[in-house]
Amino acid sequence: MFYETAEYYARLDARATKLDKTMAGTLRELIWDFVENPDFDRDEFLNLGCEPQKPKPSNPDHLDDVRGAGIGFISDAKPVVSQVEQLARDFGISKASLVRYILRKNLQ
């Protein structure tokens, strides 16, 4: 699970609706595409604001429903999870940060 802003949550929802798929299925496809052809750019990672984010109940920016609930992803796809974990280790970032990067890169 990772936390995402309402803006990107809405973008993912719109893309899924357009493709007549679920948000989880859409995110899974984005992740598989990245795993099959990893293209990581640390500058882009930072510019997209993908550094680790920990929601704090005292921060009003972290109180919207999306951040509070988080987004569950690919829990039923163990093969891709292990590949995402390996890529995240290779890039020196967390798994959640890598998934956030993949999502934001594809939904700009």
PDB file of N, CA and C in Angstrom:
ATOM      1  N   MET A   1       0.846  -1.174   0.000  1.00  0.00           N
ATOM      2  CA  MET A   1       0.000   0.000   0.000  1.00  0.00           C
ATOM      3  C   MET A   1       0.890   1.236   0.000  1.00  0.00           C
ATOM      4  N   PHE A   2       0.448   2.257  -0.682  1.00  0.00           N
ATOM      5  CA  PHE A   2       1.152   3.524  -0.648  1.00  0.00           C
ATOM      6  C   PHE A   2       0.133   4.642  -0.606  1.00  0.00           C
ATOM      7  N   TYR A   3       0.597   5.811  -0.263  1.00  0.00           N
ATOM      8  CA  TYR A   3      -0.291   6.963  -0.157  1.00  0.00           C
ATOM      9  C   TYR A   3      -0.089   7.870  -1.353  1.00  0.00           C
ATOM     10  N   GLU A   4      -1.168   8.411  -1.864  1.00  0.00           N
ATOM     11  CA  GLU A   4      -1.111   9.271  -3.041  1.00  0.00           C
ATOM     12  C   GLU A   4      -2.047  10.448  -2.837  1.00  0.00           C
ATOM     13  N   THR A   5      -1.782  11.522  -3.548  1.00  0.00           N
ATOM     14  CA  THR A   5      -2.620  12.715  -3.438  1.00  0.00           C
ATOM     15  C   THR A   5      -3.945  12.498  -4.157  1.00  0.00           C
ATOM     16  N   ALA A   6      -4.915  13.302  -3.789  1.00  0.00           N
ATOM     17  CA  ALA A   6      -6.238  13.207  -4.415  1.00  0.00           C
ATOM     18  C   ALA A   6      -6.145  13.466  -5.917  1.00  0.00           C
ATOM     19  N   GLU A   7      -5.228  14.350  -6.325  1.00  0.00           N
ATOM     20  CA  GLU A   7      -5.080  14.681  -7.751  1.00  0.00           C
ATOM     21  C   GLU A   7      -4.712  13.440  -8.567  1.00  0.00           C
ATOM     22  N   TYR A   8      -3.707  12.700  -8.120  1.00  0.00           N
ATOM     23  CA  TYR A   8      -3.289  11.517  -8.878  1.00  0.00           C
ATOM     24  C   TYR A   8      -4.282  10.372  -8.726  1.00  0.00           C
ATOM     25  N   TYR A   9      -4.934  10.299  -7.588  1.00  0.00           N
ATOM     26  CA  TYR A   9      -5.992   9.305  -7.401  1.00  0.00           C
ATOM     27  C   TYR A   9      -7.090   9.541  -8.438  1.00  0.00           C
ATOM     28  N   ALA A  10      -7.466  10.814  -8.622  1.00  0.00           N
ATOM     29  CA  ALA A  10      -8.505  11.163  -9.602  1.00  0.00           C
ATOM     30  C   ALA A  10      -8.030  10.877 -11.027  1.00  0.00           C
ATOM     31  N   ARG A  11      -6.760  11.148 -11.303  1.00  0.00           N
ATOM     32  CA  ARG A  11      -6.223  10.862 -12.641  1.00  0.00           C
ATOM     33  C   ARG A  11      -6.247   9.365 -12.940  1.00  0.00           C
ATOM     34  N   LEU A  12      -5.890   8.561 -11.932  1.00  0.00           N
ATOM     35  CA  LEU A  12      -5.920   7.112 -12.115  1.00  0.00           C
ATOM     36  C   LEU A  12      -7.352   6.639 -12.331  1.00  0.00           C
ATOM     37  N   ASP A  13      -8.274   7.186 -11.569  1.00  0.00           N
ATOM     38  CA  ASP A  13      -9.685   6.821 -11.712  1.00  0.00           C
ATOM     39  C   ASP A  13     -10.193   7.180 -13.108  1.00  0.00           C
ATOM     40  N   ALA A  14      -9.838   8.370 -13.599  1.00  0.00           N
ATOM     41  CA  ALA A  14     -10.279   8.805 -14.928  1.00  0.00           C
ATOM     42  C   ALA A  14      -9.703   7.898 -16.017  1.00  0.00           C
ATOM     43  N   ARG A  15      -8.435   7.543 -15.877  1.00  0.00           N
ATOM     44  CA  ARG A  15      -7.818   6.674 -16.886  1.00  0.00           C
ATOM     45  C   ARG A  15      -8.462   5.290 -16.867  1.00  0.00           C
ATOM     46  N   ALA A  16      -8.708   4.768 -15.683  1.00  0.00           N
ATOM     47  CA  ALA A  16      -9.340   3.454 -15.568  1.00  0.00           C
ATOM     48  C   ALA A  16     -10.738   3.476 -16.169  1.00  0.00           C
ATOM     49  N   THR A  17     -11.483   4.529 -15.899  1.00  0.00           N
ATOM     50  CA  THR A  17     -12.836   4.655 -16.442  1.00  0.00           C
ATOM     51  C   THR A  17     -12.792   4.708 -17.964  1.00  0.00           C
ATOM     52  N   LYS A  18     -11.850   5.478 -18.494  1.00  0.00           N
ATOM     53  CA  LYS A  18     -11.711   5.610 -19.947  1.00  0.00           C
ATOM     54  C   LYS A  18     -11.402   4.259 -20.597  1.00  0.00           C
ATOM     55  N   LEU A  19     -10.602   3.448 -19.909  1.00  0.00           N
ATOM     56  CA  LEU A  19     -10.221   2.136 -20.441  1.00  0.00           C
ATOM     57  C   LEU A  19     -11.203   1.041 -20.042  1.00  0.00           C
ATOM     58  N   ASP A  20     -12.230   1.409 -19.290  1.00  0.00           N
ATOM     59  CA  ASP A  20     -13.234   0.463 -18.786  1.00  0.00           C
ATOM     60  C   ASP A  20     -12.575  -0.645 -17.968  1.00  0.00           C
ATOM     61  N   LYS A  21     -11.686  -0.228 -17.058  1.00  0.00           N
ATOM     62  CA  LYS A  21     -10.976  -1.154 -16.185  1.00  0.00           C
ATOM     63  C   LYS A  21     -11.070  -0.638 -14.757  1.00  0.00           C
ATOM     64  N   THR A  22     -10.618  -1.446 -13.822  1.00  0.00           N
ATOM     65  CA  THR A  22     -10.544  -0.996 -12.439  1.00  0.00           C
ATOM     66  C   THR A  22      -9.271  -0.182 -12.252  1.00  0.00           C
ATOM     67  N   MET A  23      -9.236   0.605 -11.176  1.00  0.00           N
ATOM     68  CA  MET A  23      -8.012   1.355 -10.890  1.00  0.00           C
ATOM     69  C   MET A  23      -6.862   0.398 -10.596  1.00  0.00           C
ATOM     70  N   ALA A  24      -7.128  -0.662  -9.842  1.00  0.00           N
ATOM     71  CA  ALA A  24      -6.074  -1.626  -9.523  1.00  0.00           C
ATOM     72  C   ALA A  24      -5.547  -2.295 -10.790  1.00  0.00           C
ATOM     73  N   GLY A  25      -6.441  -2.657 -11.703  1.00  0.00           N
ATOM     74  CA  GLY A  25      -6.020  -3.273 -12.957  1.00  0.00           C
ATOM     75  C   GLY A  25      -5.207  -2.326 -13.816  1.00  0.00           C
ATOM     76  N   THR A  26      -5.604  -1.067 -13.833  1.00  0.00           N
ATOM     77  CA  THR A  26      -4.871  -0.055 -14.598  1.00  0.00           C
ATOM     78  C   THR A  26      -3.486   0.149 -14.008  1.00  0.00           C
ATOM     79  N   LEU A  27      -3.413   0.270 -12.685  1.00  0.00           N
ATOM     80  CA  LEU A  27      -2.126   0.440 -12.025  1.00  0.00           C
ATOM     81  C   LEU A  27      -1.241  -0.781 -12.250  1.00  0.00           C
ATOM     82  N   ARG A  28      -1.830  -1.962 -12.180  1.00  0.00           N
ATOM     83  CA  ARG A  28      -1.079  -3.198 -12.414  1.00  0.00           C
ATOM     84  C   ARG A  28      -0.460  -3.195 -13.807  1.00  0.00           C
ATOM     85  N   GLU A  29      -1.215  -2.761 -14.820  1.00  0.00           N
ATOM     86  CA  GLU A  29      -0.680  -2.709 -16.185  1.00  0.00           C
ATOM     87  C   GLU A  29       0.468  -1.712 -16.293  1.00  0.00           C
ATOM     88  N   LEU A  30       0.331  -0.557 -15.654  1.00  0.00           N
ATOM     89  CA  LEU A  30       1.407   0.436 -15.674  1.00  0.00           C
ATOM     90  C   LEU A  30       2.672  -0.139 -15.038  1.00  0.00           C
ATOM     91  N   ILE A  31       2.489  -0.865 -13.945  1.00  0.00           N
ATOM     92  CA  ILE A  31       3.631  -1.444 -13.247  1.00  0.00           C
ATOM     93  C   ILE A  31       4.279  -2.542 -14.085  1.00  0.00           C
ATOM     94  N   TRP A  32       3.477  -3.416 -14.692  1.00  0.00           N
ATOM     95  CA  TRP A  32       4.038  -4.468 -15.542  1.00  0.00           C
ATOM     96  C   TRP A  32       4.823  -3.857 -16.702  1.00  0.00           C
ATOM     97  N   ASP A  33       4.280  -2.809 -17.324  1.00  0.00           N
ATOM     98  CA  ASP A  33       4.989  -2.153 -18.425  1.00  0.00           C
ATOM     99  C   ASP A  33       6.348  -1.644 -17.959  1.00  0.00           C
ATOM    100  N   PHE A  34       6.389  -1.063 -16.758  1.00  0.00           N
ATOM    101  CA  PHE A  34       7.644  -0.543 -16.228  1.00  0.00           C
ATOM    102  C   PHE A  34       8.612  -1.683 -15.916  1.00  0.00           C
ATOM    103  N   VAL A  35       8.112  -2.749 -15.300  1.00  0.00           N
ATOM    104  CA  VAL A  35       8.967  -3.893 -14.941  1.00  0.00           C
ATOM    105  C   VAL A  35       9.590  -4.504 -16.194  1.00  0.00           C
ATOM    106  N   GLU A  36       8.820  -4.575 -17.265  1.00  0.00           N
ATOM    107  CA  GLU A  36       9.329  -5.156 -18.505  1.00  0.00           C
ATOM    108  C   GLU A  36      10.338  -4.249 -19.200  1.00  0.00           C
ATOM    109  N   ASN A  37      10.259  -2.945 -18.955  1.00  0.00           N
ATOM    110  CA  ASN A  37      11.177  -1.995 -19.570  1.00  0.00           C
ATOM    111  C   ASN A  37      11.472  -0.871 -18.578  1.00  0.00           C
ATOM    112  N   PRO A  38      12.296  -1.163 -17.543  1.00  0.00           N
ATOM    113  CA  PRO A  38      12.540  -0.151 -16.512  1.00  0.00           C
ATOM    114  C   PRO A  38      13.251   1.076 -17.074  1.00  0.00           C
ATOM    115  N   ASP A  39      12.680   2.218 -16.825  1.00  0.00           N
ATOM    116  CA  ASP A  39      13.242   3.487 -17.283  1.00  0.00           C
ATOM    117  C   ASP A  39      13.139   4.466 -16.118  1.00  0.00           C
ATOM    118  N   PHE A  40      14.163   4.441 -15.259  1.00  0.00           N
ATOM    119  CA  PHE A  40      14.144   5.253 -14.043  1.00  0.00           C
ATOM    120  C   PHE A  40      15.073   6.438 -14.193  1.00  0.00           C
ATOM    121  N   ASP A  41      14.579   7.619 -13.900  1.00  0.00           N
ATOM    122  CA  ASP A  41      15.362   8.846 -13.953  1.00  0.00           C
ATOM    123  C   ASP A  41      15.239   9.526 -12.594  1.00  0.00           C
ATOM    124  N   ARG A  42      16.360   9.590 -11.851  1.00  0.00           N
ATOM    125  CA  ARG A  42      16.318  10.134 -10.492  1.00  0.00           C
ATOM    126  C   ARG A  42      15.868  11.594 -10.474  1.00  0.00           C
ATOM    127  N   ASP A  43      16.266  12.391 -11.450  1.00  0.00           N
ATOM    128  CA  ASP A  43      15.824  13.790 -11.488  1.00  0.00           C
ATOM    129  C   ASP A  43      14.314  13.872 -11.679  1.00  0.00           C
ATOM    130  N   GLU A  44      13.790  13.051 -12.591  1.00  0.00           N
ATOM    131  CA  GLU A  44      12.347  13.026 -12.809  1.00  0.00           C
ATOM    132  C   GLU A  44      11.633  12.532 -11.548  1.00  0.00           C
ATOM    133  N   PHE A  45      12.219  11.546 -10.889  1.00  0.00           N
ATOM    134  CA  PHE A  45      11.683  11.013  -9.638  1.00  0.00           C
ATOM    135  C   PHE A  45      11.500  12.138  -8.616  1.00  0.00           C
ATOM    136  N   LEU A  46      12.521  12.973  -8.473  1.00  0.00           N
ATOM    137  CA  LEU A  46      12.449  14.077  -7.513  1.00  0.00           C
ATOM    138  C   LEU A  46      11.500  15.169  -7.989  1.00  0.00           C
ATOM    139  N   ASN A  47      11.530  15.485  -9.284  1.00  0.00           N
ATOM    140  CA  ASN A  47      10.647  16.528  -9.823  1.00  0.00           C
ATOM    141  C   ASN A  47       9.174  16.161  -9.712  1.00  0.00           C
ATOM    142  N   LEU A  48       8.863  14.874  -9.775  1.00  0.00           N
ATOM    143  CA  LEU A  48       7.475  14.430  -9.651  1.00  0.00           C
ATOM    144  C   LEU A  48       7.041  14.323  -8.191  1.00  0.00           C
ATOM    145  N   GLY A  49       7.957  14.589  -7.268  1.00  0.00           N
ATOM    146  CA  GLY A  49       7.619  14.545  -5.851  1.00  0.00           C
ATOM    147  C   GLY A  49       7.417  13.139  -5.333  1.00  0.00           C
ATOM    148  N   CYS A  50       8.235  12.202  -5.789  1.00  0.00           N
ATOM    149  CA  CYS A  50       8.033  10.795  -5.432  1.00  0.00           C
ATOM    150  C   CYS A  50       8.869  10.341  -4.240  1.00  0.00           C
ATOM    151  N   GLU A  51       9.579  11.267  -3.600  1.00  0.00           N
ATOM    152  CA  GLU A  51      10.363  10.886  -2.440  1.00  0.00           C
ATOM    153  C   GLU A  51       9.431  10.309  -1.373  1.00  0.00           C
ATOM    154  N   PRO A  52       9.978   9.540  -0.461  1.00  0.00           N
ATOM    155  CA  PRO A  52       9.128   8.903   0.549  1.00  0.00           C
ATOM    156  C   PRO A  52       8.228   9.908   1.255  1.00  0.00           C
ATOM    157  N   GLN A  53       6.980   9.529   1.419  1.00  0.00           N
ATOM    158  CA  GLN A  53       5.999  10.381   2.087  1.00  0.00           C
ATOM    159  C   GLN A  53       5.352   9.582   3.197  1.00  0.00           C
ATOM    160  N   LYS A  54       5.384  10.134   4.378  1.00  0.00           N
ATOM    161  CA  LYS A  54       4.733   9.472   5.502  1.00  0.00           C
ATOM    162  C   LYS A  54       3.617  10.382   5.987  1.00  0.00           C
ATOM    163  N   PRO A  55       2.393   9.936   5.885  1.00  0.00           N
ATOM    164  CA  PRO A  55       1.287  10.767   6.327  1.00  0.00           C
ATOM    165  C   PRO A  55       1.386  11.053   7.823  1.00  0.00           C
ATOM    166  N   LYS A  56       1.143  12.292   8.173  1.00  0.00           N
ATOM    167  CA  LYS A  56       1.152  12.692   9.572  1.00  0.00           C
ATOM    168  C   LYS A  56      -0.227  13.238   9.909  1.00  0.00           C
ATOM    169  N   PRO A  57      -0.877  12.672  10.908  1.00  0.00           N
ATOM    170  CA  PRO A  57      -2.218  13.148  11.266  1.00  0.00           C
ATOM    171  C   PRO A  57      -2.260  14.628  11.611  1.00  0.00           C
ATOM    172  N   SER A  58      -1.124  15.191  12.030  1.00  0.00           N
ATOM    173  CA  SER A  58      -1.104  16.607  12.396  1.00  0.00           C
ATOM    174  C   SER A  58      -0.954  17.527  11.188  1.00  0.00           C
ATOM    175  N   ASN A  59      -0.644  16.972  10.021  1.00  0.00           N
ATOM    176  CA  ASN A  59      -0.466  17.774   8.815  1.00  0.00           C
ATOM    177  C   ASN A  59      -1.794  17.838   8.064  1.00  0.00           C
ATOM    178  N   PRO A  60      -2.387  19.053   7.923  1.00  0.00           N
ATOM    179  CA  PRO A  60      -3.684  19.154   7.254  1.00  0.00           C
ATOM    180  C   PRO A  60      -3.661  18.676   5.801  1.00  0.00           C
ATOM    181  N   ASP A  61      -2.499  18.700   5.145  1.00  0.00           N
ATOM    182  CA  ASP A  61      -2.406  18.219   3.765  1.00  0.00           C
ATOM    183  C   ASP A  61      -2.544  16.703   3.692  1.00  0.00           C
ATOM    184  N   HIS A  62      -2.398  16.030   4.816  1.00  0.00           N
ATOM    185  CA  HIS A  62      -2.440  14.572   4.832  1.00  0.00           C
ATOM    186  C   HIS A  62      -3.752  14.032   5.382  1.00  0.00           C
ATOM    187  N   LEU A  63      -4.757  14.868   5.469  1.00  0.00           N
ATOM    188  CA  LEU A  63      -6.000  14.436   6.085  1.00  0.00           C
ATOM    189  C   LEU A  63      -7.104  14.104   5.099  1.00  0.00           C
ATOM    190  N   ASP A  64      -6.868  14.279   3.794  1.00  0.00           N
ATOM    191  CA  ASP A  64      -7.943  13.950   2.859  1.00  0.00           C
ATOM    192  C   ASP A  64      -8.157  12.436   2.831  1.00  0.00           C
ATOM    193  N   ASP A  65      -9.315  12.007   2.352  1.00  0.00           N
ATOM    194  CA  ASP A  65      -9.698  10.595   2.393  1.00  0.00           C
ATOM    195  C   ASP A  65      -8.725   9.698   1.637  1.00  0.00           C
ATOM    196  N   VAL A  66      -8.156  10.208   0.554  1.00  0.00           N
ATOM    197  CA  VAL A  66      -7.275   9.372  -0.260  1.00  0.00           C
ATOM    198  C   VAL A  66      -6.015   9.027   0.512  1.00  0.00           C
ATOM    199  N   ARG A  67      -5.375  10.020   1.089  1.00  0.00           N
ATOM    200  CA  ARG A  67      -4.168   9.739   1.864  1.00  0.00           C
ATOM    201  C   ARG A  67      -4.492   8.873   3.071  1.00  0.00           C
ATOM    202  N   GLY A  68      -5.614   9.152   3.697  1.00  0.00           N
ATOM    203  CA  GLY A  68      -5.975   8.387   4.879  1.00  0.00           C
ATOM    204  C   GLY A  68      -6.198   6.919   4.574  1.00  0.00           C
ATOM    205  N   ALA A  69      -6.757   6.629   3.418  1.00  0.00           N
ATOM    206  CA  ALA A  69      -7.071   5.251   3.059  1.00  0.00           C
ATOM    207  C   ALA A  69      -5.895   4.561   2.385  1.00  0.00           C
ATOM    208  N   GLY A  70      -5.091   5.308   1.657  1.00  0.00           N
ATOM    209  CA  GLY A  70      -4.017   4.701   0.881  1.00  0.00           C
ATOM    210  C   GLY A  70      -4.582   3.994  -0.336  1.00  0.00           C
ATOM    211  N   ILE A  71      -3.718   3.524  -1.179  1.00  0.00           N
ATOM    212  CA  ILE A  71      -4.142   2.776  -2.362  1.00  0.00           C
ATOM    213  C   ILE A  71      -3.468   1.414  -2.285  1.00  0.00           C
ATOM    214  N   GLY A  72      -4.256   0.363  -2.231  1.00  0.00           N
ATOM    215  CA  GLY A  72      -3.691  -0.975  -2.260  1.00  0.00           C
ATOM    216  C   GLY A  72      -3.331  -1.310  -3.696  1.00  0.00           C
ATOM    217  N   PHE A  73      -2.250  -2.028  -3.900  1.00  0.00           N
ATOM    218  CA  PHE A  73      -1.869  -2.319  -5.273  1.00  0.00           C
ATOM    219  C   PHE A  73      -1.287  -3.713  -5.394  1.00  0.00           C
ATOM    220  N   ILE A  74      -1.546  -4.332  -6.486  1.00  0.00           N
ATOM    221  CA  ILE A  74      -0.976  -5.598  -6.950  1.00  0.00           C
ATOM    222  C   ILE A  74      -0.777  -6.646  -5.859  1.00  0.00           C
ATOM    223  N   SER A  75      -1.603  -6.654  -4.841  1.00  0.00           N
ATOM    224  CA  SER A  75      -1.417  -7.632  -3.772  1.00  0.00           C
ATOM    225  C   SER A  75      -1.633  -9.061  -4.271  1.00  0.00           C
ATOM    226  N   ASP A  76      -2.344  -9.207  -5.367  1.00  0.00           N
ATOM    227  CA  ASP A  76      -2.609 -10.540  -5.901  1.00  0.00           C
ATOM    228  C   ASP A  76      -1.629 -10.928  -7.001  1.00  0.00           C
ATOM    229  N   ALA A  77      -0.578 -10.185  -7.168  1.00  0.00           N
ATOM    230  CA  ALA A  77       0.371 -10.442  -8.253  1.00  0.00           C
ATOM    231  C   ALA A  77       1.783 -10.580  -7.683  1.00  0.00           C
ATOM    232  N   LYS A  78       2.017 -11.656  -6.959  1.00  0.00           N
ATOM    233  CA  LYS A  78       3.306 -11.844  -6.285  1.00  0.00           C
ATOM    234  C   LYS A  78       4.516 -11.784  -7.218  1.00  0.00           C
ATOM    235  N   PRO A  79       4.433 -12.315  -8.435  1.00  0.00           N
ATOM    236  CA  PRO A  79       5.612 -12.230  -9.307  1.00  0.00           C
ATOM    237  C   PRO A  79       6.044 -10.788  -9.583  1.00  0.00           C
ATOM    238  N   VAL A  80       5.088  -9.908  -9.804  1.00  0.00           N
ATOM    239  CA  VAL A  80       5.469  -8.526 -10.094  1.00  0.00           C
ATOM    240  C   VAL A  80       5.913  -7.812  -8.821  1.00  0.00           C
ATOM    241  N   VAL A  81       5.362  -8.177  -7.689  1.00  0.00           N
ATOM    242  CA  VAL A  81       5.771  -7.548  -6.435  1.00  0.00           C
ATOM    243  C   VAL A  81       7.251  -7.806  -6.187  1.00  0.00           C
ATOM    244  N   SER A  82       7.704  -9.035  -6.376  1.00  0.00           N
ATOM    245  CA  SER A  82       9.119  -9.331  -6.144  1.00  0.00           C
ATOM    246  C   SER A  82      10.004  -8.576  -7.129  1.00  0.00           C
ATOM    247  N   GLN A  83       9.543  -8.406  -8.356  1.00  0.00           N
ATOM    248  CA  GLN A  83      10.331  -7.647  -9.334  1.00  0.00           C
ATOM    249  C   GLN A  83      10.365  -6.165  -8.975  1.00  0.00           C
ATOM    250  N   VAL A  84       9.242  -5.632  -8.500  1.00  0.00           N
ATOM    251  CA  VAL A  84       9.204  -4.230  -8.072  1.00  0.00           C
ATOM    252  C   VAL A  84      10.134  -4.039  -6.879  1.00  0.00           C
ATOM    253  N   GLU A  85      10.110  -4.973  -5.935  1.00  0.00           N
ATOM    254  CA  GLU A  85      11.003  -4.888  -4.777  1.00  0.00           C
ATOM    255  C   GLU A  85      12.463  -4.888  -5.214  1.00  0.00           C
ATOM    256  N   GLN A  86      12.816  -5.749  -6.169  1.00  0.00           N
ATOM    257  CA  GLN A  86      14.193  -5.816  -6.647  1.00  0.00           C
ATOM    258  C   GLN A  86      14.591  -4.521  -7.350  1.00  0.00           C
ATOM    259  N   LEU A  87      13.722  -4.010  -8.220  1.00  0.00           N
ATOM    260  CA  LEU A  87      14.029  -2.751  -8.908  1.00  0.00           C
ATOM    261  C   LEU A  87      14.184  -1.613  -7.905  1.00  0.00           C
ATOM    262  N   ALA A  88      13.313  -1.563  -6.911  1.00  0.00           N
ATOM    263  CA  ALA A  88      13.402  -0.512  -5.892  1.00  0.00           C
ATOM    264  C   ALA A  88      14.744  -0.594  -5.166  1.00  0.00           C
ATOM    265  N   ARG A  89      15.165  -1.805  -4.817  1.00  0.00           N
ATOM    266  CA  ARG A  89      16.478  -1.970  -4.178  1.00  0.00           C
ATOM    267  C   ARG A  89      17.585  -1.498  -5.111  1.00  0.00           C
ATOM    268  N   ASP A  90      17.498  -1.874  -6.389  1.00  0.00           N
ATOM    269  CA  ASP A  90      18.513  -1.466  -7.364  1.00  0.00           C
ATOM    270  C   ASP A  90      18.604   0.050  -7.483  1.00  0.00           C
ATOM    271  N   PHE A  91      17.456   0.721  -7.415  1.00  0.00           N
ATOM    272  CA  PHE A  91      17.422   2.179  -7.545  1.00  0.00           C
ATOM    273  C   PHE A  91      17.671   2.885  -6.217  1.00  0.00           C
ATOM    274  N   GLY A  92      17.683   2.135  -5.123  1.00  0.00           N
ATOM    275  CA  GLY A  92      17.926   2.716  -3.806  1.00  0.00           C
ATOM    276  C   GLY A  92      16.743   3.487  -3.251  1.00  0.00           C
ATOM    277  N   ILE A  93      15.539   3.044  -3.581  1.00  0.00           N
ATOM    278  CA  ILE A  93      14.330   3.708  -3.095  1.00  0.00           C
ATOM    279  C   ILE A  93      13.375   2.652  -2.544  1.00  0.00           C
ATOM    280  N   SER A  94      12.316   3.101  -1.902  1.00  0.00           N
ATOM    281  CA  SER A  94      11.341   2.149  -1.365  1.00  0.00           C
ATOM    282  C   SER A  94      10.409   1.661  -2.471  1.00  0.00           C
ATOM    283  N   LYS A  95       9.775   0.528  -2.206  1.00  0.00           N
ATOM    284  CA  LYS A  95       8.806  -0.029  -3.159  1.00  0.00           C
ATOM    285  C   LYS A  95       7.660   0.952  -3.390  1.00  0.00           C
ATOM    286  N   ALA A  96       7.157   1.557  -2.314  1.00  0.00           N
ATOM    287  CA  ALA A  96       6.054   2.516  -2.447  1.00  0.00           C
ATOM    288  C   ALA A  96       6.474   3.727  -3.275  1.00  0.00           C
ATOM    289  N   SER A  97       7.702   4.198  -3.080  1.00  0.00           N
ATOM    290  CA  SER A  97       8.182   5.343  -3.860  1.00  0.00           C
ATOM    291  C   SER A  97       8.296   4.994  -5.336  1.00  0.00           C
ATOM    292  N   LEU A  98       8.723   3.769  -5.636  1.00  0.00           N
ATOM    293  CA  LEU A  98       8.823   3.347  -7.032  1.00  0.00           C
ATOM    294  C   LEU A  98       7.441   3.260  -7.668  1.00  0.00           C
ATOM    295  N   VAL A  99       6.476   2.708  -6.950  1.00  0.00           N
ATOM    296  CA  VAL A  99       5.116   2.621  -7.491  1.00  0.00           C
ATOM    297  C   VAL A  99       4.543   4.018  -7.694  1.00  0.00           C
ATOM    298  N   ARG A 100       4.809   4.922  -6.749  1.00  0.00           N
ATOM    299  CA  ARG A 100       4.350   6.309  -6.894  1.00  0.00           C
ATOM    300  C   ARG A 100       4.975   6.935  -8.150  1.00  0.00           C
ATOM    301  N   TYR A 101       6.271   6.674  -8.374  1.00  0.00           N
ATOM    302  CA  TYR A 101       6.962   7.194  -9.555  1.00  0.00           C
ATOM    303  C   TYR A 101       6.326   6.663 -10.840  1.00  0.00           C
ATOM    304  N   ILE A 102       6.067   5.356 -10.887  1.00  0.00           N
ATOM    305  CA  ILE A 102       5.457   4.750 -12.075  1.00  0.00           C
ATOM    306  C   ILE A 102       4.093   5.380 -12.339  1.00  0.00           C
ATOM    307  N   LEU A 103       3.304   5.523 -11.294  1.00  0.00           N
ATOM    308  CA  LEU A 103       1.971   6.112 -11.431  1.00  0.00           C
ATOM    309  C   LEU A 103       2.060   7.547 -11.939  1.00  0.00           C
ATOM    310  N   ARG A 104       2.865   8.357 -11.274  1.00  0.00           N
ATOM    311  CA  ARG A 104       2.933   9.776 -11.646  1.00  0.00           C
ATOM    312  C   ARG A 104       3.550   9.976 -13.027  1.00  0.00           C
ATOM    313  N   LYS A 105       4.545   9.170 -13.361  1.00  0.00           N
ATOM    314  CA  LYS A 105       5.185   9.285 -14.675  1.00  0.00           C
ATOM    315  C   LYS A 105       4.173   9.018 -15.789  1.00  0.00           C
ATOM    316  N   ASN A 106       3.284   8.073 -15.569  1.00  0.00           N
ATOM    317  CA  ASN A 106       2.311   7.696 -16.593  1.00  0.00           C
ATOM    318  C   ASN A 106       1.056   8.552 -16.598  1.00  0.00           C
ATOM    319  N   LEU A 107       0.828   9.319 -15.557  1.00  0.00           N
ATOM    320  CA  LEU A 107      -0.404  10.103 -15.465  1.00  0.00           C
ATOM    321  C   LEU A 107      -0.155  11.603 -15.469  1.00  0.00           C
ATOM    322  N   GLN A 108       0.963  12.025 -16.008  1.00  0.00           N
ATOM    323  CA  GLN A 108       1.264  13.466 -16.063  1.00  0.00           C
ATOM    324  C   GLN A 108       0.314  14.182 -16.974  1.00  0.00           C
TER     325      GLN A 108
END
